[in-house]
N, C-alpha and C. Protein backbone atom coordinates (compact mmCIF):
# COMPACT_ATOMS: atom_id res chain seq x y z
N MET A 1 0.84 -1.18 0.00
CA MET A 1 0.00 0.00 0.00
C MET A 1 0.89 1.25 0.00
N PRO A 2 0.64 2.17 -0.93
CA PRO A 2 1.45 3.39 -0.98
C PRO A 2 1.29 4.23 0.29
N ASN A 3 2.42 4.62 0.87
CA ASN A 3 2.33 5.44 2.08
C ASN A 3 3.51 6.40 2.23
N LEU A 4 4.42 6.42 1.30
CA LEU A 4 5.59 7.28 1.43
C LEU A 4 5.22 8.76 1.42
N LYS A 5 4.25 9.13 0.59
CA LYS A 5 3.80 10.51 0.55
C LYS A 5 3.28 10.95 1.92
N CYS A 6 2.52 10.07 2.57
CA CYS A 6 2.02 10.37 3.92
C CYS A 6 3.17 10.51 4.91
N LYS A 7 4.14 9.61 4.83
CA LYS A 7 5.27 9.68 5.75
C LYS A 7 6.02 10.99 5.60
N VAL A 8 6.19 11.46 4.37
CA VAL A 8 6.87 12.73 4.13
C VAL A 8 6.10 13.87 4.78
N ASN A 9 4.79 13.87 4.61
CA ASN A 9 3.98 14.96 5.14
C ASN A 9 3.92 14.99 6.66
N PHE A 10 4.17 13.84 7.29
CA PHE A 10 4.08 13.79 8.74
C PHE A 10 5.42 13.50 9.41
N ILE A 11 6.51 13.69 8.70
CA ILE A 11 7.84 13.33 9.22
C ILE A 11 8.15 14.06 10.53
N ASN A 12 7.81 15.32 10.61
CA ASN A 12 8.09 16.07 11.85
C ASN A 12 7.15 15.66 12.98
N THR A 13 5.91 15.41 12.65
CA THR A 13 4.91 15.04 13.64
C THR A 13 5.26 13.70 14.30
N ILE A 14 5.72 12.76 13.52
CA ILE A 14 6.00 11.43 14.05
C ILE A 14 7.47 11.25 14.45
N ASN A 15 8.22 12.35 14.42
CA ASN A 15 9.66 12.30 14.72
C ASN A 15 10.36 11.20 13.92
N GLY A 16 10.05 11.16 12.65
CA GLY A 16 10.60 10.13 11.78
C GLY A 16 12.05 10.36 11.43
N ASP A 17 12.67 9.32 10.99
CA ASP A 17 14.06 9.34 10.58
C ASP A 17 14.10 9.64 9.08
N ILE A 18 14.53 10.84 8.72
CA ILE A 18 14.54 11.27 7.33
C ILE A 18 15.49 10.41 6.49
N GLU A 19 16.59 9.98 7.08
CA GLU A 19 17.54 9.12 6.36
C GLU A 19 16.86 7.81 5.95
N LYS A 20 16.17 7.20 6.90
CA LYS A 20 15.47 5.94 6.63
C LYS A 20 14.36 6.15 5.60
N LEU A 21 13.64 7.25 5.71
CA LEU A 21 12.57 7.54 4.77
C LEU A 21 13.13 7.71 3.35
N CYS A 22 14.24 8.39 3.22
CA CYS A 22 14.86 8.57 1.90
C CYS A 22 15.28 7.23 1.31
N GLU A 23 15.78 6.33 2.15
CA GLU A 23 16.14 5.00 1.66
C GLU A 23 14.91 4.23 1.19
N GLU A 24 13.81 4.37 1.93
CA GLU A 24 12.55 3.73 1.51
C GLU A 24 12.09 4.28 0.16
N ILE A 25 12.23 5.58 -0.01
CA ILE A 25 11.83 6.21 -1.27
C ILE A 25 12.69 5.69 -2.42
N ILE A 26 14.00 5.63 -2.20
CA ILE A 26 14.90 5.11 -3.23
C ILE A 26 14.57 3.67 -3.57
N ASN A 27 14.32 2.86 -2.56
CA ASN A 27 13.95 1.45 -2.80
C ASN A 27 12.66 1.35 -3.62
N SER A 28 11.72 2.22 -3.35
CA SER A 28 10.47 2.18 -4.10
C SER A 28 10.64 2.68 -5.53
N ILE A 29 11.44 3.72 -5.71
CA ILE A 29 11.69 4.23 -7.07
C ILE A 29 12.34 3.16 -7.93
N THR A 30 13.22 2.39 -7.33
CA THR A 30 13.96 1.38 -8.10
C THR A 30 13.24 0.04 -8.18
N SER A 31 12.04 -0.05 -7.62
CA SER A 31 11.28 -1.30 -7.68
C SER A 31 10.65 -1.46 -9.06
N LYS A 32 10.06 -2.60 -9.30
CA LYS A 32 9.35 -2.87 -10.55
C LYS A 32 7.85 -2.56 -10.44
N SER A 33 7.40 -2.23 -9.24
CA SER A 33 5.99 -1.97 -9.01
C SER A 33 5.64 -0.53 -9.39
N HIS A 34 4.76 -0.38 -10.36
CA HIS A 34 4.36 0.95 -10.81
C HIS A 34 3.74 1.76 -9.66
N ILE A 35 2.93 1.11 -8.84
CA ILE A 35 2.29 1.79 -7.71
C ILE A 35 3.33 2.32 -6.74
N ARG A 36 4.34 1.51 -6.41
CA ARG A 36 5.40 1.94 -5.49
C ARG A 36 6.22 3.07 -6.10
N ILE A 37 6.49 2.99 -7.39
CA ILE A 37 7.27 4.04 -8.05
C ILE A 37 6.52 5.36 -8.00
N ILE A 38 5.24 5.34 -8.33
CA ILE A 38 4.44 6.57 -8.32
C ILE A 38 4.35 7.14 -6.90
N ASP A 39 4.15 6.27 -5.91
CA ASP A 39 4.12 6.72 -4.51
C ASP A 39 5.44 7.39 -4.15
N ALA A 40 6.55 6.79 -4.54
CA ALA A 40 7.86 7.37 -4.25
C ALA A 40 8.06 8.69 -4.96
N LEU A 41 7.64 8.78 -6.20
CA LEU A 41 7.77 10.04 -6.94
C LEU A 41 6.92 11.14 -6.31
N ASN A 42 5.73 10.77 -5.82
CA ASN A 42 4.90 11.75 -5.10
C ASN A 42 5.58 12.21 -3.82
N ALA A 43 6.27 11.29 -3.16
CA ALA A 43 7.01 11.65 -1.94
C ALA A 43 8.16 12.61 -2.28
N VAL A 44 8.86 12.33 -3.37
CA VAL A 44 9.95 13.23 -3.80
C VAL A 44 9.38 14.60 -4.12
N ALA A 45 8.24 14.63 -4.79
CA ALA A 45 7.61 15.92 -5.10
C ALA A 45 7.32 16.71 -3.83
N ASP A 46 6.83 16.03 -2.81
CA ASP A 46 6.56 16.71 -1.54
C ASP A 46 7.85 17.15 -0.86
N LEU A 47 8.89 16.34 -0.96
CA LEU A 47 10.15 16.71 -0.32
C LEU A 47 10.78 17.94 -0.95
N THR A 48 10.56 18.14 -2.24
CA THR A 48 11.14 19.34 -2.87
C THR A 48 10.44 20.61 -2.42
N THR A 49 9.28 20.47 -1.81
CA THR A 49 8.60 21.64 -1.28
C THR A 49 8.57 21.63 0.25
N PHE A 50 9.11 20.60 0.85
CA PHE A 50 9.13 20.45 2.30
C PHE A 50 10.32 21.26 2.82
N GLU A 51 10.05 22.41 3.40
CA GLU A 51 11.10 23.36 3.76
C GLU A 51 12.21 22.79 4.63
N GLY A 52 11.87 21.96 5.59
CA GLY A 52 12.89 21.42 6.49
C GLY A 52 13.96 20.63 5.75
N LEU A 53 13.54 19.73 4.89
CA LEU A 53 14.52 18.93 4.15
C LEU A 53 15.21 19.78 3.09
N TYR A 54 14.44 20.61 2.43
CA TYR A 54 14.99 21.43 1.35
C TYR A 54 16.15 22.30 1.84
N LYS A 55 16.01 22.81 3.05
CA LYS A 55 17.05 23.70 3.57
C LYS A 55 18.14 22.97 4.35
N THR A 56 17.84 21.87 4.95
CA THR A 56 18.82 21.26 5.86
C THR A 56 19.43 19.95 5.37
N ASN A 57 18.82 19.29 4.44
CA ASN A 57 19.35 18.00 4.04
C ASN A 57 19.49 17.90 2.53
N THR A 58 20.25 18.81 1.97
CA THR A 58 20.40 18.84 0.52
C THR A 58 21.12 17.61 -0.02
N LYS A 59 21.96 16.97 0.80
CA LYS A 59 22.66 15.76 0.35
C LYS A 59 21.65 14.65 0.06
N LYS A 60 20.70 14.45 0.95
CA LYS A 60 19.68 13.42 0.75
C LYS A 60 18.79 13.77 -0.44
N LEU A 61 18.45 15.03 -0.56
CA LEU A 61 17.63 15.45 -1.68
C LEU A 61 18.38 15.25 -3.00
N GLU A 62 19.66 15.53 -3.00
CA GLU A 62 20.49 15.30 -4.19
C GLU A 62 20.49 13.81 -4.55
N GLU A 63 20.56 12.93 -3.55
CA GLU A 63 20.50 11.49 -3.82
C GLU A 63 19.17 11.10 -4.45
N LEU A 64 18.08 11.65 -3.92
CA LEU A 64 16.77 11.35 -4.48
C LEU A 64 16.63 11.87 -5.91
N LEU A 65 17.11 13.08 -6.14
CA LEU A 65 17.05 13.64 -7.49
C LEU A 65 17.95 12.88 -8.45
N ASP A 66 19.05 12.34 -7.94
CA ASP A 66 19.92 11.53 -8.78
C ASP A 66 19.19 10.27 -9.23
N VAL A 67 18.50 9.61 -8.31
CA VAL A 67 17.74 8.41 -8.67
C VAL A 67 16.63 8.79 -9.66
N LEU A 68 15.97 9.90 -9.41
CA LEU A 68 14.92 10.38 -10.32
C LEU A 68 15.48 10.60 -11.72
N THR A 69 16.60 11.29 -11.83
CA THR A 69 17.15 11.57 -13.15
C THR A 69 17.76 10.32 -13.80
N GLN A 70 18.13 9.34 -12.98
CA GLN A 70 18.60 8.06 -13.54
C GLN A 70 17.46 7.35 -14.28
N LEU A 71 16.24 7.48 -13.75
CA LEU A 71 15.09 6.88 -14.45
C LEU A 71 14.96 7.46 -15.86
N ILE A 72 15.24 8.75 -15.98
CA ILE A 72 15.18 9.40 -17.29
C ILE A 72 16.38 8.98 -18.14
N LYS A 73 17.55 9.00 -17.54
CA LYS A 73 18.76 8.63 -18.27
C LYS A 73 18.64 7.25 -18.89
N TRP A 74 18.12 6.29 -18.13
CA TRP A 74 18.03 4.91 -18.60
C TRP A 74 16.68 4.61 -19.23
N ARG A 75 15.80 5.61 -19.32
CA ARG A 75 14.49 5.50 -19.97
C ARG A 75 13.69 4.30 -19.49
N ARG A 76 13.64 4.18 -18.20
CA ARG A 76 12.90 3.06 -17.60
C ARG A 76 11.40 3.31 -17.77
N VAL A 77 10.75 2.44 -18.51
CA VAL A 77 9.35 2.65 -18.90
C VAL A 77 8.44 2.81 -17.68
N GLU A 78 8.64 1.97 -16.64
CA GLU A 78 7.82 2.10 -15.44
C GLU A 78 8.12 3.45 -14.78
N GLY A 79 7.11 4.29 -14.76
CA GLY A 79 7.26 5.59 -14.11
C GLY A 79 7.96 6.65 -14.94
N LEU A 80 8.25 6.38 -16.21
CA LEU A 80 9.00 7.34 -17.02
C LEU A 80 8.26 8.66 -17.19
N VAL A 81 6.99 8.60 -17.58
CA VAL A 81 6.24 9.84 -17.79
C VAL A 81 6.16 10.63 -16.48
N SER A 82 5.90 9.95 -15.39
CA SER A 82 5.83 10.63 -14.09
C SER A 82 7.18 11.23 -13.71
N SER A 83 8.27 10.51 -14.01
CA SER A 83 9.61 11.03 -13.72
C SER A 83 9.91 12.27 -14.56
N LEU A 84 9.55 12.21 -15.82
CA LEU A 84 9.74 13.37 -16.70
C LEU A 84 8.95 14.57 -16.19
N ASN A 85 7.69 14.33 -15.83
CA ASN A 85 6.83 15.42 -15.36
C ASN A 85 7.31 16.00 -14.03
N LEU A 86 7.69 15.13 -13.11
CA LEU A 86 8.19 15.60 -11.82
C LEU A 86 9.48 16.40 -12.00
N THR A 87 10.36 15.93 -12.86
CA THR A 87 11.61 16.65 -13.11
C THR A 87 11.32 18.02 -13.72
N THR A 88 10.38 18.08 -14.64
CA THR A 88 10.01 19.36 -15.25
C THR A 88 9.51 20.33 -14.19
N THR A 89 8.61 19.87 -13.35
CA THR A 89 8.04 20.72 -12.30
C THR A 89 9.11 21.18 -11.31
N THR A 90 9.96 20.25 -10.89
CA THR A 90 11.00 20.58 -9.92
C THR A 90 12.01 21.56 -10.51
N LEU A 91 12.38 21.35 -11.76
CA LEU A 91 13.29 22.29 -12.42
C LEU A 91 12.68 23.68 -12.51
N LYS A 92 11.40 23.73 -12.79
CA LYS A 92 10.70 25.01 -12.90
C LYS A 92 10.68 25.76 -11.57
N GLU A 93 10.44 25.01 -10.49
CA GLU A 93 10.30 25.62 -9.17
C GLU A 93 11.62 25.78 -8.42
N HIS A 94 12.56 24.85 -8.62
CA HIS A 94 13.82 24.86 -7.86
C HIS A 94 15.01 24.45 -8.73
N PRO A 95 15.33 25.22 -9.76
CA PRO A 95 16.43 24.81 -10.64
C PRO A 95 17.77 24.68 -9.92
N ALA A 96 17.94 25.40 -8.83
CA ALA A 96 19.21 25.37 -8.10
C ALA A 96 19.46 24.01 -7.45
N LEU A 97 18.44 23.19 -7.31
CA LEU A 97 18.62 21.86 -6.71
C LEU A 97 19.38 20.91 -7.64
N PHE A 98 19.46 21.26 -8.91
CA PHE A 98 20.03 20.35 -9.90
C PHE A 98 21.49 20.69 -10.19
N SER A 99 22.34 19.71 -9.94
CA SER A 99 23.77 19.85 -10.21
C SER A 99 24.03 19.57 -11.69
N GLU A 100 25.25 19.81 -12.11
CA GLU A 100 25.64 19.52 -13.49
C GLU A 100 25.47 18.03 -13.80
N LYS A 101 25.77 17.19 -12.83
CA LYS A 101 25.59 15.73 -13.00
C LYS A 101 24.14 15.39 -13.31
N LEU A 102 23.21 16.02 -12.60
CA LEU A 102 21.80 15.74 -12.82
C LEU A 102 21.35 16.25 -14.19
N PHE A 103 21.86 17.41 -14.60
CA PHE A 103 21.56 17.92 -15.94
C PHE A 103 22.06 16.94 -17.00
N LYS A 104 23.24 16.38 -16.79
CA LYS A 104 23.79 15.42 -17.76
C LYS A 104 22.94 14.16 -17.82
N ASN A 105 22.48 13.67 -16.68
CA ASN A 105 21.59 12.50 -16.66
C ASN A 105 20.35 12.77 -17.51
N ILE A 106 19.75 13.93 -17.29
CA ILE A 106 18.52 14.29 -18.01
C ILE A 106 18.78 14.40 -19.51
N ILE A 107 19.82 15.11 -19.87
CA ILE A 107 20.10 15.33 -21.29
C ILE A 107 20.44 14.02 -22.00
N THR A 108 21.13 13.13 -21.32
CA THR A 108 21.41 11.82 -21.91
C THR A 108 20.11 11.09 -22.22
N GLY A 109 19.19 11.07 -21.27
CA GLY A 109 17.90 10.43 -21.50
C GLY A 109 17.12 11.10 -22.62
N LEU A 110 17.12 12.44 -22.63
CA LEU A 110 16.40 13.17 -23.68
C LEU A 110 16.97 12.85 -25.06
N HIS A 111 18.28 12.69 -25.13
CA HIS A 111 18.93 12.35 -26.39
C HIS A 111 18.37 11.04 -26.96
N TYR A 112 18.35 10.01 -26.13
CA TYR A 112 17.87 8.72 -26.59
C TYR A 112 16.36 8.71 -26.84
N LEU A 113 15.63 9.53 -26.10
CA LEU A 113 14.19 9.57 -26.27
C LEU A 113 13.77 10.24 -27.58
N ILE A 114 14.65 10.96 -28.22
CA ILE A 114 14.33 11.52 -29.54
C ILE A 114 13.90 10.38 -30.46
N LYS A 115 14.69 9.33 -30.49
CA LYS A 115 14.40 8.18 -31.36
C LYS A 115 13.41 7.22 -30.69
N GLU A 116 13.67 6.91 -29.43
CA GLU A 116 12.90 5.87 -28.75
C GLU A 116 11.44 6.23 -28.52
N SER A 117 11.12 7.51 -28.46
CA SER A 117 9.72 7.90 -28.25
C SER A 117 8.98 8.12 -29.56
N HIS A 118 9.70 8.04 -30.66
CA HIS A 118 9.05 8.24 -31.96
C HIS A 118 8.06 7.11 -32.20
N PRO A 119 6.89 7.43 -32.73
CA PRO A 119 5.85 6.40 -32.92
C PRO A 119 6.26 5.22 -33.80
N ILE A 120 7.22 5.40 -34.70
CA ILE A 120 7.59 4.28 -35.55
C ILE A 120 8.70 3.42 -34.97
N TYR A 121 9.26 3.85 -33.84
CA TYR A 121 10.31 3.06 -33.18
C TYR A 121 9.67 1.83 -32.55
N THR A 122 10.21 0.66 -32.84
CA THR A 122 9.56 -0.58 -32.40
C THR A 122 10.25 -1.29 -31.24
N ASN A 123 11.39 -0.80 -30.80
CA ASN A 123 12.12 -1.50 -29.73
C ASN A 123 11.66 -1.15 -28.33
N ILE A 124 10.74 -0.23 -28.19
CA ILE A 124 10.23 0.13 -26.87
C ILE A 124 8.89 -0.59 -26.65
N LYS A 125 8.70 -1.09 -25.44
CA LYS A 125 7.48 -1.83 -25.13
C LYS A 125 6.42 -0.87 -24.61
N ALA A 126 5.87 -0.10 -25.55
CA ALA A 126 4.81 0.84 -25.20
C ALA A 126 3.93 1.02 -26.43
N ASP A 127 2.64 1.16 -26.21
CA ASP A 127 1.75 1.37 -27.35
C ASP A 127 1.88 2.82 -27.82
N ILE A 128 1.21 3.14 -28.91
CA ILE A 128 1.35 4.46 -29.52
C ILE A 128 0.94 5.58 -28.57
N ASN A 129 -0.11 5.38 -27.80
CA ASN A 129 -0.55 6.42 -26.86
C ASN A 129 0.49 6.66 -25.77
N GLU A 130 1.10 5.58 -25.28
CA GLU A 130 2.15 5.73 -24.26
C GLU A 130 3.36 6.46 -24.84
N ARG A 131 3.71 6.13 -26.08
CA ARG A 131 4.85 6.79 -26.71
C ARG A 131 4.60 8.27 -26.91
N ILE A 132 3.38 8.61 -27.30
CA ILE A 132 3.04 10.03 -27.47
C ILE A 132 3.10 10.73 -26.11
N SER A 133 2.63 10.07 -25.08
CA SER A 133 2.69 10.64 -23.73
C SER A 133 4.14 10.84 -23.29
N ILE A 134 4.98 9.85 -23.56
CA ILE A 134 6.41 9.97 -23.25
C ILE A 134 7.01 11.13 -24.04
N ARG A 135 6.67 11.19 -25.32
CA ARG A 135 7.23 12.23 -26.20
C ARG A 135 6.79 13.62 -25.75
N LYS A 136 5.53 13.75 -25.38
CA LYS A 136 5.00 15.04 -24.91
C LYS A 136 5.71 15.46 -23.61
N SER A 137 5.83 14.54 -22.66
CA SER A 137 6.49 14.87 -21.39
C SER A 137 7.97 15.19 -21.60
N THR A 138 8.60 14.48 -22.53
CA THR A 138 9.99 14.75 -22.84
C THR A 138 10.14 16.14 -23.45
N ALA A 139 9.23 16.50 -24.36
CA ALA A 139 9.26 17.83 -24.97
C ALA A 139 9.06 18.92 -23.91
N ASN A 140 8.17 18.68 -22.95
CA ASN A 140 7.96 19.65 -21.86
C ASN A 140 9.26 19.84 -21.06
N LEU A 141 9.93 18.74 -20.77
CA LEU A 141 11.18 18.81 -20.01
C LEU A 141 12.26 19.52 -20.83
N ALA A 142 12.35 19.21 -22.11
CA ALA A 142 13.33 19.87 -22.97
C ALA A 142 13.07 21.37 -23.02
N PHE A 143 11.81 21.75 -23.09
CA PHE A 143 11.46 23.17 -23.09
C PHE A 143 11.89 23.85 -21.78
N GLN A 144 11.65 23.19 -20.66
CA GLN A 144 12.06 23.75 -19.37
C GLN A 144 13.57 23.92 -19.31
N LEU A 145 14.31 22.94 -19.80
CA LEU A 145 15.77 23.05 -19.85
C LEU A 145 16.21 24.18 -20.77
N TYR A 146 15.52 24.32 -21.89
CA TYR A 146 15.82 25.41 -22.82
C TYR A 146 15.68 26.77 -22.12
N LYS A 147 14.60 26.92 -21.36
CA LYS A 147 14.39 28.17 -20.62
C LYS A 147 15.50 28.41 -19.60
N ILE A 148 15.90 27.36 -18.89
CA ILE A 148 16.95 27.51 -17.87
C ILE A 148 18.27 27.92 -18.52
N TYR A 149 18.67 27.21 -19.57
CA TYR A 149 19.92 27.55 -20.25
C TYR A 149 19.85 28.96 -20.83
N SER A 150 18.71 29.33 -21.40
CA SER A 150 18.56 30.67 -21.97
C SER A 150 18.63 31.74 -20.89
N ASP A 151 17.93 31.51 -19.78
CA ASP A 151 17.94 32.48 -18.67
C ASP A 151 19.34 32.67 -18.10
N ARG A 152 20.13 31.62 -18.13
CA ARG A 152 21.50 31.67 -17.60
C ARG A 152 22.50 32.14 -18.66
N SER A 153 22.02 32.39 -19.86
CA SER A 153 22.87 32.78 -20.99
C SER A 153 23.97 31.74 -21.24
N GLU A 154 23.60 30.48 -21.08
CA GLU A 154 24.54 29.38 -21.31
C GLU A 154 24.25 28.75 -22.66
N LYS A 155 25.25 28.08 -23.20
CA LYS A 155 25.09 27.38 -24.47
C LYS A 155 24.04 26.29 -24.31
N ILE A 156 23.10 26.25 -25.23
CA ILE A 156 22.03 25.26 -25.17
C ILE A 156 22.54 23.97 -25.80
N PRO A 157 22.45 22.85 -25.06
CA PRO A 157 22.93 21.57 -25.59
C PRO A 157 22.21 21.19 -26.89
N GLN A 158 22.92 20.51 -27.75
CA GLN A 158 22.38 20.10 -29.05
C GLN A 158 21.11 19.28 -28.91
N THR A 159 21.04 18.43 -27.91
CA THR A 159 19.84 17.60 -27.69
C THR A 159 18.61 18.47 -27.48
N ILE A 160 18.76 19.56 -26.74
CA ILE A 160 17.63 20.47 -26.49
C ILE A 160 17.23 21.16 -27.78
N ILE A 161 18.20 21.55 -28.58
CA ILE A 161 17.92 22.18 -29.88
C ILE A 161 17.17 21.19 -30.78
N GLU A 162 17.57 19.92 -30.73
CA GLU A 162 16.87 18.90 -31.52
C GLU A 162 15.42 18.77 -31.09
N TRP A 163 15.17 18.83 -29.78
CA TRP A 163 13.78 18.77 -29.30
C TRP A 163 13.00 20.01 -29.74
N LYS A 164 13.64 21.14 -29.76
CA LYS A 164 12.97 22.36 -30.25
C LYS A 164 12.57 22.16 -31.71
N ASN A 165 13.47 21.59 -32.50
CA ASN A 165 13.18 21.34 -33.92
C ASN A 165 12.05 20.32 -34.08
N ILE A 166 12.06 19.29 -33.25
CA ILE A 166 10.98 18.30 -33.29
C ILE A 166 9.64 18.98 -33.06
N CYS A 167 9.61 19.86 -32.09
CA CYS A 167 8.35 20.51 -31.71
C CYS A 167 7.90 21.56 -32.72
N SER A 168 8.75 21.91 -33.64
CA SER A 168 8.34 22.85 -34.69
C SER A 168 8.09 22.14 -36.03
N ASP A 169 8.23 20.83 -36.02
CA ASP A 169 8.01 20.02 -37.22
C ASP A 169 6.50 19.87 -37.48
N ASN A 170 6.09 20.20 -38.68
CA ASN A 170 4.66 20.09 -39.03
C ASN A 170 4.15 18.67 -38.99
N ASN A 171 5.04 17.69 -39.08
CA ASN A 171 4.63 16.29 -39.07
C ASN A 171 4.55 15.71 -37.66
N GLU A 172 4.87 16.50 -36.66
CA GLU A 172 4.85 16.02 -35.28
C GLU A 172 3.42 16.07 -34.74
N PHE A 173 3.12 15.20 -33.78
CA PHE A 173 1.81 15.21 -33.14
C PHE A 173 1.57 16.55 -32.45
N ALA A 174 0.33 17.02 -32.53
CA ALA A 174 -0.02 18.32 -31.95
C ALA A 174 0.28 18.36 -30.45
N GLU A 175 0.03 17.24 -29.75
CA GLU A 175 0.29 17.20 -28.31
C GLU A 175 1.75 17.50 -28.00
N VAL A 176 2.62 17.02 -28.86
CA VAL A 176 4.06 17.23 -28.68
C VAL A 176 4.42 18.66 -29.08
N LYS A 177 3.94 19.10 -30.22
CA LYS A 177 4.24 20.44 -30.71
C LYS A 177 3.80 21.51 -29.70
N ASN A 178 2.65 21.29 -29.07
CA ASN A 178 2.12 22.26 -28.11
C ASN A 178 2.93 22.31 -26.82
N SER A 179 3.81 21.35 -26.63
CA SER A 179 4.64 21.33 -25.43
C SER A 179 5.68 22.44 -25.44
N TRP A 180 6.05 22.86 -26.63
CA TRP A 180 7.09 23.89 -26.76
C TRP A 180 6.40 25.23 -26.92
N LYS A 181 6.43 26.02 -25.87
CA LYS A 181 5.78 27.31 -25.90
C LYS A 181 6.74 28.35 -26.42
N ASP A 182 6.21 29.41 -26.99
CA ASP A 182 7.07 30.50 -27.43
C ASP A 182 7.77 31.10 -26.22
N TYR A 183 9.03 31.32 -26.39
CA TYR A 183 9.82 31.84 -25.28
C TYR A 183 10.34 33.20 -25.63
């Protein structure tokens, strides 16, 4: 039964051990159970807004974000869309939480997802609707990274530029094209 999100919300009330809770979250993220993965991702989402951990335990949060971005890097189908969406939201709200290592994990995954999320790619075990969902979430994440690199006046990685081009392609699905907003 999913309960990590509840544990995060009541960690101070129950005098819980944040180290142990983070290990539970990591174990759930790396499990094969979709329900456990989603519960863990919801817990990570709450931790990124949980002021106590955000300010005092950045090492543990970095570990959790590393596991999250590893899901993207390795394109693990279980929880991939949720991982992409959570990463997009967290980047939007707290870009400073992401180290260069985490950016590299994300960009590596985005690079491979250019091909792997394409509807004609047959090596991924996902139906067309799942692939479009993956592609849309990937485009949203690429757009968020584009904004961050642009705001920092940093060179935009080629993979992000490729996603921008995908989203401006007339042959791309509307759901994907609409992910890239004018900036």
